Amino acid sequence: MIEKRSQKTIPEYVKHLFWDVKKEDIDIKKHSPFIIKRVLDYGNAASLKWLFKTYPEDLIKEVIYNKRGLHPKTINFWEKHYENL
């Protein structure tokens, strides 16, 4: 379930994270696991803020705990983050 805004595309300040795909083909609902992984792995504070405003925390946690496609350091960081909450 995508967040409150009826946003259909990735904002300009996040698009640089998707250097290897056609940005106009990315659907934020259909490609949510891919987007979440990419932002968690490579995003900055602004893109992470967008991520957490766009996707429900449960979906983000599901992607983290699935571990497929995430860098080991990213998995470790976010698992520790959620353990400490």
PDB file of N, CA and C in Angstrom:
ATOM      1  N   MET A   1       0.849  -1.183   0.000  1.00  0.00           N
ATOM      2  CA  MET A   1       0.000   0.000   0.000  1.00  0.00           C
ATOM      3  C   MET A   1       0.887   1.237   0.000  1.00  0.00           C
ATOM      4  N   ILE A   2       0.706   2.082  -0.962  1.00  0.00           N
ATOM      5  CA  ILE A   2       1.509   3.286  -1.100  1.00  0.00           C
ATOM      6  C   ILE A   2       0.888   4.389  -0.260  1.00  0.00           C
ATOM      7  N   GLU A   3       1.745   5.222   0.221  1.00  0.00           N
ATOM      8  CA  GLU A   3       1.437   6.300   1.153  1.00  0.00           C
ATOM      9  C   GLU A   3       0.383   7.268   0.626  1.00  0.00           C
ATOM     10  N   LYS A   4       0.009   8.150   1.491  1.00  0.00           N
ATOM     11  CA  LYS A   4      -1.060   9.125   1.330  1.00  0.00           C
ATOM     12  C   LYS A   4      -1.082   9.830  -0.019  1.00  0.00           C
ATOM     13  N   ARG A   5       0.066  10.288  -0.480  1.00  0.00           N
ATOM     14  CA  ARG A   5       0.111  11.029  -1.727  1.00  0.00           C
ATOM     15  C   ARG A   5      -0.167  10.092  -2.902  1.00  0.00           C
ATOM     16  N   SER A   6      -0.814  10.603  -3.895  1.00  0.00           N
ATOM     17  CA  SER A   6      -1.091   9.786  -5.078  1.00  0.00           C
ATOM     18  C   SER A   6       0.051   9.955  -6.077  1.00  0.00           C
ATOM     19  N   GLN A   7       1.239   9.848  -5.587  1.00  0.00           N
ATOM     20  CA  GLN A   7       2.435   9.999  -6.402  1.00  0.00           C
ATOM     21  C   GLN A   7       2.619   8.764  -7.268  1.00  0.00           C
ATOM     22  N   LYS A   8       2.970   8.983  -8.516  1.00  0.00           N
ATOM     23  CA  LYS A   8       3.122   7.866  -9.436  1.00  0.00           C
ATOM     24  C   LYS A   8       4.548   7.707  -9.913  1.00  0.00           C
ATOM     25  N   THR A   9       5.362   8.715  -9.690  1.00  0.00           N
ATOM     26  CA  THR A   9       6.742   8.662 -10.162  1.00  0.00           C
ATOM     27  C   THR A   9       7.710   8.998  -9.037  1.00  0.00           C
ATOM     28  N   ILE A  10       8.942   8.658  -9.269  1.00  0.00           N
ATOM     29  CA  ILE A  10      10.010   8.953  -8.318  1.00  0.00           C
ATOM     30  C   ILE A  10      10.383  10.421  -8.476  1.00  0.00           C
ATOM     31  N   PRO A  11      10.567  11.142  -7.363  1.00  0.00           N
ATOM     32  CA  PRO A  11      10.948  12.555  -7.474  1.00  0.00           C
ATOM     33  C   PRO A  11      12.329  12.719  -8.119  1.00  0.00           C
ATOM     34  N   GLU A  12      12.559  13.872  -8.691  1.00  0.00           N
ATOM     35  CA  GLU A  12      13.819  14.163  -9.371  1.00  0.00           C
ATOM     36  C   GLU A  12      15.026  13.924  -8.474  1.00  0.00           C
ATOM     37  N   TYR A  13      14.941  14.309  -7.203  1.00  0.00           N
ATOM     38  CA  TYR A  13      16.089  14.197  -6.311  1.00  0.00           C
ATOM     39  C   TYR A  13      16.399  12.752  -5.899  1.00  0.00           C
ATOM     40  N   VAL A  14      15.561  11.809  -6.321  1.00  0.00           N
ATOM     41  CA  VAL A  14      15.802  10.393  -6.029  1.00  0.00           C
ATOM     42  C   VAL A  14      16.193   9.630  -7.302  1.00  0.00           C
ATOM     43  N   LYS A  15      15.877  10.184  -8.441  1.00  0.00           N
ATOM     44  CA  LYS A  15      16.079   9.483  -9.716  1.00  0.00           C
ATOM     45  C   LYS A  15      17.529   9.080  -9.982  1.00  0.00           C
ATOM     46  N   HIS A  16      18.495   9.820  -9.464  1.00  0.00           N
ATOM     47  CA  HIS A  16      19.899   9.481  -9.733  1.00  0.00           C
ATOM     48  C   HIS A  16      20.281   8.097  -9.200  1.00  0.00           C
ATOM     49  N   LEU A  17      19.502   7.562  -8.279  1.00  0.00           N
ATOM     50  CA  LEU A  17      19.775   6.237  -7.716  1.00  0.00           C
ATOM     51  C   LEU A  17      19.433   5.118  -8.700  1.00  0.00           C
ATOM     52  N   PHE A  18      18.747   5.448  -9.755  1.00  0.00           N
ATOM     53  CA  PHE A  18      18.294   4.449 -10.730  1.00  0.00           C
ATOM     54  C   PHE A  18      18.999   4.658 -12.067  1.00  0.00           C
ATOM     55  N   TRP A  19      20.307   4.674 -11.996  1.00  0.00           N
ATOM     56  CA  TRP A  19      21.161   4.948 -13.151  1.00  0.00           C
ATOM     57  C   TRP A  19      21.098   3.863 -14.224  1.00  0.00           C
ATOM     58  N   ASP A  20      20.668   2.667 -13.852  1.00  0.00           N
ATOM     59  CA  ASP A  20      20.754   1.523 -14.753  1.00  0.00           C
ATOM     60  C   ASP A  20      19.426   1.115 -15.378  1.00  0.00           C
ATOM     61  N   VAL A  21      18.388   1.878 -15.135  1.00  0.00           N
ATOM     62  CA  VAL A  21      17.068   1.548 -15.691  1.00  0.00           C
ATOM     63  C   VAL A  21      16.432   2.806 -16.277  1.00  0.00           C
ATOM     64  N   LYS A  22      15.433   2.602 -17.134  1.00  0.00           N
ATOM     65  CA  LYS A  22      14.682   3.739 -17.663  1.00  0.00           C
ATOM     66  C   LYS A  22      13.796   4.278 -16.555  1.00  0.00           C
ATOM     67  N   LYS A  23      14.067   5.466 -16.133  1.00  0.00           N
ATOM     68  CA  LYS A  23      13.330   6.053 -15.013  1.00  0.00           C
ATOM     69  C   LYS A  23      11.841   6.195 -15.296  1.00  0.00           C
ATOM     70  N   GLU A  24      11.499   6.443 -16.555  1.00  0.00           N
ATOM     71  CA  GLU A  24      10.085   6.606 -16.900  1.00  0.00           C
ATOM     72  C   GLU A  24       9.311   5.291 -16.849  1.00  0.00           C
ATOM     73  N   ASP A  25      10.017   4.175 -16.820  1.00  0.00           N
ATOM     74  CA  ASP A  25       9.360   2.868 -16.742  1.00  0.00           C
ATOM     75  C   ASP A  25       9.143   2.381 -15.306  1.00  0.00           C
ATOM     76  N   ILE A  26       9.681   3.099 -14.343  1.00  0.00           N
ATOM     77  CA  ILE A  26       9.558   2.671 -12.949  1.00  0.00           C
ATOM     78  C   ILE A  26       8.186   3.064 -12.416  1.00  0.00           C
ATOM     79  N   ASP A  27       7.489   2.075 -11.894  1.00  0.00           N
ATOM     80  CA  ASP A  27       6.182   2.280 -11.272  1.00  0.00           C
ATOM     81  C   ASP A  27       6.363   2.097  -9.770  1.00  0.00           C
ATOM     82  N   ILE A  28       6.023   3.110  -8.985  1.00  0.00           N
ATOM     83  CA  ILE A  28       6.334   3.032  -7.551  1.00  0.00           C
ATOM     84  C   ILE A  28       5.526   1.968  -6.810  1.00  0.00           C
ATOM     85  N   LYS A  29       4.419   1.547  -7.355  1.00  0.00           N
ATOM     86  CA  LYS A  29       3.667   0.443  -6.738  1.00  0.00           C
ATOM     87  C   LYS A  29       4.217  -0.905  -7.202  1.00  0.00           C
ATOM     88  N   LYS A  30       4.276  -1.076  -8.503  1.00  0.00           N
ATOM     89  CA  LYS A  30       4.686  -2.349  -9.083  1.00  0.00           C
ATOM     90  C   LYS A  30       6.134  -2.713  -8.747  1.00  0.00           C
ATOM     91  N   HIS A  31       7.013  -1.734  -8.695  1.00  0.00           N
ATOM     92  CA  HIS A  31       8.434  -1.973  -8.469  1.00  0.00           C
ATOM     93  C   HIS A  31       8.885  -1.596  -7.054  1.00  0.00           C
ATOM     94  N   SER A  32       7.965  -1.610  -6.114  1.00  0.00           N
ATOM     95  CA  SER A  32       8.289  -1.153  -4.756  1.00  0.00           C
ATOM     96  C   SER A  32       9.470  -1.887  -4.113  1.00  0.00           C
ATOM     97  N   PRO A  33       9.593  -3.223  -4.185  1.00  0.00           N
ATOM     98  CA  PRO A  33      10.763  -3.851  -3.569  1.00  0.00           C
ATOM     99  C   PRO A  33      12.082  -3.363  -4.171  1.00  0.00           C
ATOM    100  N   PHE A  34      12.129  -3.229  -5.500  1.00  0.00           N
ATOM    101  CA  PHE A  34      13.325  -2.737  -6.171  1.00  0.00           C
ATOM    102  C   PHE A  34      13.674  -1.323  -5.707  1.00  0.00           C
ATOM    103  N   ILE A  35      12.685  -0.457  -5.647  1.00  0.00           N
ATOM    104  CA  ILE A  35      12.896   0.931  -5.239  1.00  0.00           C
ATOM    105  C   ILE A  35      13.376   0.986  -3.794  1.00  0.00           C
ATOM    106  N   ILE A  36      12.727   0.234  -2.928  1.00  0.00           N
ATOM    107  CA  ILE A  36      13.106   0.226  -1.514  1.00  0.00           C
ATOM    108  C   ILE A  36      14.551  -0.232  -1.347  1.00  0.00           C
ATOM    109  N   LYS A  37      14.921  -1.317  -2.015  1.00  0.00           N
ATOM    110  CA  LYS A  37      16.293  -1.823  -1.918  1.00  0.00           C
ATOM    111  C   LYS A  37      17.300  -0.777  -2.387  1.00  0.00           C
ATOM    112  N   ARG A  38      17.022  -0.166  -3.506  1.00  0.00           N
ATOM    113  CA  ARG A  38      17.968   0.795  -4.074  1.00  0.00           C
ATOM    114  C   ARG A  38      18.142   2.000  -3.153  1.00  0.00           C
ATOM    115  N   VAL A  39      17.045   2.504  -2.615  1.00  0.00           N
ATOM    116  CA  VAL A  39      17.139   3.671  -1.735  1.00  0.00           C
ATOM    117  C   VAL A  39      17.834   3.297  -0.420  1.00  0.00           C
ATOM    118  N   LEU A  40      17.529   2.133   0.134  1.00  0.00           N
ATOM    119  CA  LEU A  40      18.205   1.715   1.366  1.00  0.00           C
ATOM    120  C   LEU A  40      19.705   1.525   1.142  1.00  0.00           C
ATOM    121  N   ASP A  41      20.086   0.989   0.002  1.00  0.00           N
ATOM    122  CA  ASP A  41      21.498   0.753  -0.292  1.00  0.00           C
ATOM    123  C   ASP A  41      22.264   2.034  -0.618  1.00  0.00           C
ATOM    124  N   TYR A  42      21.672   2.933  -1.386  1.00  0.00           N
ATOM    125  CA  TYR A  42      22.426   4.056  -1.941  1.00  0.00           C
ATOM    126  C   TYR A  42      21.877   5.438  -1.602  1.00  0.00           C
ATOM    127  N   GLY A  43      20.736   5.497  -0.955  1.00  0.00           N
ATOM    128  CA  GLY A  43      20.082   6.785  -0.740  1.00  0.00           C
ATOM    129  C   GLY A  43      20.747   7.668   0.298  1.00  0.00           C
ATOM    130  N   ASN A  44      20.438   8.948   0.188  1.00  0.00           N
ATOM    131  CA  ASN A  44      20.879   9.926   1.182  1.00  0.00           C
ATOM    132  C   ASN A  44      19.705  10.247   2.100  1.00  0.00           C
ATOM    133  N   ALA A  45      19.877  11.221   2.965  1.00  0.00           N
ATOM    134  CA  ALA A  45      18.830  11.556   3.937  1.00  0.00           C
ATOM    135  C   ALA A  45      17.520  11.953   3.252  1.00  0.00           C
ATOM    136  N   ALA A  46      17.611  12.748   2.195  1.00  0.00           N
ATOM    137  CA  ALA A  46      16.394  13.199   1.509  1.00  0.00           C
ATOM    138  C   ALA A  46      15.654  12.033   0.849  1.00  0.00           C
ATOM    139  N   SER A  47      16.401  11.145   0.208  1.00  0.00           N
ATOM    140  CA  SER A  47      15.733  10.017  -0.460  1.00  0.00           C
ATOM    141  C   SER A  47      15.165   9.030   0.560  1.00  0.00           C
ATOM    142  N   LEU A  48      15.839   8.858   1.684  1.00  0.00           N
ATOM    143  CA  LEU A  48      15.295   7.996   2.744  1.00  0.00           C
ATOM    144  C   LEU A  48      14.021   8.593   3.329  1.00  0.00           C
ATOM    145  N   LYS A  49      14.013   9.897   3.498  1.00  0.00           N
ATOM    146  CA  LYS A  49      12.804  10.562   4.006  1.00  0.00           C
ATOM    147  C   LYS A  49      11.637  10.333   3.043  1.00  0.00           C
ATOM    148  N   TRP A  50      11.910  10.483   1.736  1.00  0.00           N
ATOM    149  CA  TRP A  50      10.873  10.217   0.739  1.00  0.00           C
ATOM    150  C   TRP A  50      10.398   8.770   0.823  1.00  0.00           C
ATOM    151  N   LEU A  51      11.350   7.835   0.958  1.00  0.00           N
ATOM    152  CA  LEU A  51      11.013   6.415   1.024  1.00  0.00           C
ATOM    153  C   LEU A  51      10.050   6.134   2.171  1.00  0.00           C
ATOM    154  N   PHE A  52      10.364   6.656   3.364  1.00  0.00           N
ATOM    155  CA  PHE A  52       9.536   6.383   4.531  1.00  0.00           C
ATOM    156  C   PHE A  52       8.196   7.130   4.490  1.00  0.00           C
ATOM    157  N   LYS A  53       8.099   8.192   3.681  1.00  0.00           N
ATOM    158  CA  LYS A  53       6.815   8.863   3.493  1.00  0.00           C
ATOM    159  C   LYS A  53       5.974   8.162   2.433  1.00  0.00           C
ATOM    160  N   THR A  54       6.627   7.428   1.552  1.00  0.00           N
ATOM    161  CA  THR A  54       5.934   6.821   0.412  1.00  0.00           C
ATOM    162  C   THR A  54       5.455   5.405   0.686  1.00  0.00           C
ATOM    163  N   TYR A  55       6.268   4.632   1.402  1.00  0.00           N
ATOM    164  CA  TYR A  55       5.945   3.222   1.635  1.00  0.00           C
ATOM    165  C   TYR A  55       5.696   2.957   3.121  1.00  0.00           C
ATOM    166  N   PRO A  56       4.778   2.044   3.418  1.00  0.00           N
ATOM    167  CA  PRO A  56       4.519   1.692   4.812  1.00  0.00           C
ATOM    168  C   PRO A  56       5.746   0.998   5.423  1.00  0.00           C
ATOM    169  N   GLU A  57       5.975   1.247   6.664  1.00  0.00           N
ATOM    170  CA  GLU A  57       7.129   0.682   7.368  1.00  0.00           C
ATOM    171  C   GLU A  57       7.128  -0.848   7.319  1.00  0.00           C
ATOM    172  N   ASP A  58       5.970  -1.453   7.372  1.00  0.00           N
ATOM    173  CA  ASP A  58       5.890  -2.924   7.306  1.00  0.00           C
ATOM    174  C   ASP A  58       6.450  -3.463   5.991  1.00  0.00           C
ATOM    175  N   LEU A  59       6.183  -2.773   4.896  1.00  0.00           N
ATOM    176  CA  LEU A  59       6.708  -3.195   3.598  1.00  0.00           C
ATOM    177  C   LEU A  59       8.226  -3.031   3.562  1.00  0.00           C
ATOM    178  N   ILE A  60       8.729  -1.945   4.096  1.00  0.00           N
ATOM    179  CA  ILE A  60      10.173  -1.703   4.145  1.00  0.00           C
ATOM    180  C   ILE A  60      10.847  -2.777   4.991  1.00  0.00           C
ATOM    181  N   LYS A  61      10.281  -3.087   6.139  1.00  0.00           N
ATOM    182  CA  LYS A  61      10.836  -4.142   7.002  1.00  0.00           C
ATOM    183  C   LYS A  61      10.828  -5.491   6.289  1.00  0.00           C
ATOM    184  N   GLU A  62       9.757  -5.773   5.572  1.00  0.00           N
ATOM    185  CA  GLU A  62       9.651  -7.040   4.839  1.00  0.00           C
ATOM    186  C   GLU A  62      10.797  -7.164   3.825  1.00  0.00           C
ATOM    187  N   VAL A  63      11.084  -6.088   3.121  1.00  0.00           N
ATOM    188  CA  VAL A  63      12.177  -6.083   2.146  1.00  0.00           C
ATOM    189  C   VAL A  63      13.512  -6.302   2.864  1.00  0.00           C
ATOM    190  N   ILE A  64      13.710  -5.667   3.994  1.00  0.00           N
ATOM    191  CA  ILE A  64      14.959  -5.807   4.754  1.00  0.00           C
ATOM    192  C   ILE A  64      15.125  -7.238   5.247  1.00  0.00           C
ATOM    193  N   TYR A  65      14.101  -7.795   5.845  1.00  0.00           N
ATOM    194  CA  TYR A  65      14.215  -9.132   6.429  1.00  0.00           C
ATOM    195  C   TYR A  65      14.231 -10.235   5.372  1.00  0.00           C
ATOM    196  N   ASN A  66      13.769  -9.930   4.161  1.00  0.00           N
ATOM    197  CA  ASN A  66      13.872 -10.878   3.058  1.00  0.00           C
ATOM    198  C   ASN A  66      15.329 -11.021   2.629  1.00  0.00           C
ATOM    199  N   LYS A  67      16.077  -9.930   2.690  1.00  0.00           N
ATOM    200  CA  LYS A  67      17.525  -9.863   2.450  1.00  0.00           C
ATOM    201  C   LYS A  67      17.947 -10.031   1.004  1.00  0.00           C
ATOM    202  N   ARG A  68      17.100 -10.461   0.138  1.00  0.00           N
ATOM    203  CA  ARG A  68      17.490 -10.688  -1.263  1.00  0.00           C
ATOM    204  C   ARG A  68      17.748  -9.359  -1.965  1.00  0.00           C
ATOM    205  N   GLY A  69      18.936  -9.223  -2.536  1.00  0.00           N
ATOM    206  CA  GLY A  69      19.255  -8.053  -3.320  1.00  0.00           C
ATOM    207  C   GLY A  69      19.787  -6.866  -2.545  1.00  0.00           C
ATOM    208  N   LEU A  70      19.907  -6.984  -1.240  1.00  0.00           N
ATOM    209  CA  LEU A  70      20.467  -5.896  -0.432  1.00  0.00           C
ATOM    210  C   LEU A  70      21.916  -6.199  -0.079  1.00  0.00           C
ATOM    211  N   HIS A  71      22.706  -5.164   0.033  1.00  0.00           N
ATOM    212  CA  HIS A  71      24.091  -5.339   0.463  1.00  0.00           C
ATOM    213  C   HIS A  71      24.114  -5.794   1.924  1.00  0.00           C
ATOM    214  N   PRO A  72      25.050  -6.664   2.298  1.00  0.00           N
ATOM    215  CA  PRO A  72      25.125  -7.144   3.686  1.00  0.00           C
ATOM    216  C   PRO A  72      25.223  -6.020   4.720  1.00  0.00           C
ATOM    217  N   LYS A  73      25.962  -4.960   4.413  1.00  0.00           N
ATOM    218  CA  LYS A  73      26.068  -3.840   5.362  1.00  0.00           C
ATOM    219  C   LYS A  73      24.740  -3.123   5.537  1.00  0.00           C
ATOM    220  N   THR A  74      23.984  -3.036   4.461  1.00  0.00           N
ATOM    221  CA  THR A  74      22.661  -2.409   4.535  1.00  0.00           C
ATOM    222  C   THR A  74      21.735  -3.245   5.403  1.00  0.00           C
ATOM    223  N   ILE A  75      21.752  -4.549   5.202  1.00  0.00           N
ATOM    224  CA  ILE A  75      20.920  -5.454   6.005  1.00  0.00           C
ATOM    225  C   ILE A  75      21.282  -5.317   7.468  1.00  0.00           C
ATOM    226  N   ASN A  76      22.569  -5.363   7.770  1.00  0.00           N
ATOM    227  CA  ASN A  76      23.039  -5.267   9.153  1.00  0.00           C
ATOM    228  C   ASN A  76      22.589  -3.956   9.798  1.00  0.00           C
ATOM    229  N   PHE A  77      22.778  -2.851   9.090  1.00  0.00           N
ATOM    230  CA  PHE A  77      22.395  -1.553   9.640  1.00  0.00           C
ATOM    231  C   PHE A  77      20.910  -1.496   9.974  1.00  0.00           C
ATOM    232  N   TRP A  78      20.065  -1.861   9.011  1.00  0.00           N
ATOM    233  CA  TRP A  78      18.624  -1.728   9.218  1.00  0.00           C
ATOM    234  C   TRP A  78      18.075  -2.753  10.204  1.00  0.00           C
ATOM    235  N   GLU A  79      18.646  -3.957  10.241  1.00  0.00           N
ATOM    236  CA  GLU A  79      18.216  -4.909  11.263  1.00  0.00           C
ATOM    237  C   GLU A  79      18.551  -4.384  12.659  1.00  0.00           C
ATOM    238  N   LYS A  80      19.733  -3.817  12.820  1.00  0.00           N
ATOM    239  CA  LYS A  80      20.116  -3.223  14.117  1.00  0.00           C
ATOM    240  C   LYS A  80      19.210  -2.042  14.450  1.00  0.00           C
ATOM    241  N   HIS A  81      18.903  -1.241  13.455  1.00  0.00           N
ATOM    242  CA  HIS A  81      18.026  -0.093  13.657  1.00  0.00           C
ATOM    243  C   HIS A  81      16.669  -0.526  14.214  1.00  0.00           C
ATOM    244  N   TYR A  82      16.091  -1.549  13.603  1.00  0.00           N
ATOM    245  CA  TYR A  82      14.768  -1.997  14.040  1.00  0.00           C
ATOM    246  C   TYR A  82      14.816  -2.803  15.338  1.00  0.00           C
ATOM    247  N   GLU A  83      15.938  -3.425  15.649  1.00  0.00           N
ATOM    248  CA  GLU A  83      16.090  -4.114  16.947  1.00  0.00           C
ATOM    249  C   GLU A  83      16.054  -3.108  18.087  1.00  0.00           C
ATOM    250  N   ASN A  84      16.605  -1.931  17.847  1.00  0.00           N
ATOM    251  CA  ASN A  84      16.750  -0.930  18.908  1.00  0.00           C
ATOM    252  C   ASN A  84      15.528  -0.052  19.080  1.00  0.00           C
ATOM    253  N   LEU A  85      14.500  -0.258  18.318  1.00  0.00           N
ATOM    254  CA  LEU A  85      13.293   0.561  18.459  1.00  0.00           C
ATOM    255  C   LEU A  85      12.342   0.004  19.476  1.00  0.00           C
TER     256      LEU A  85
END
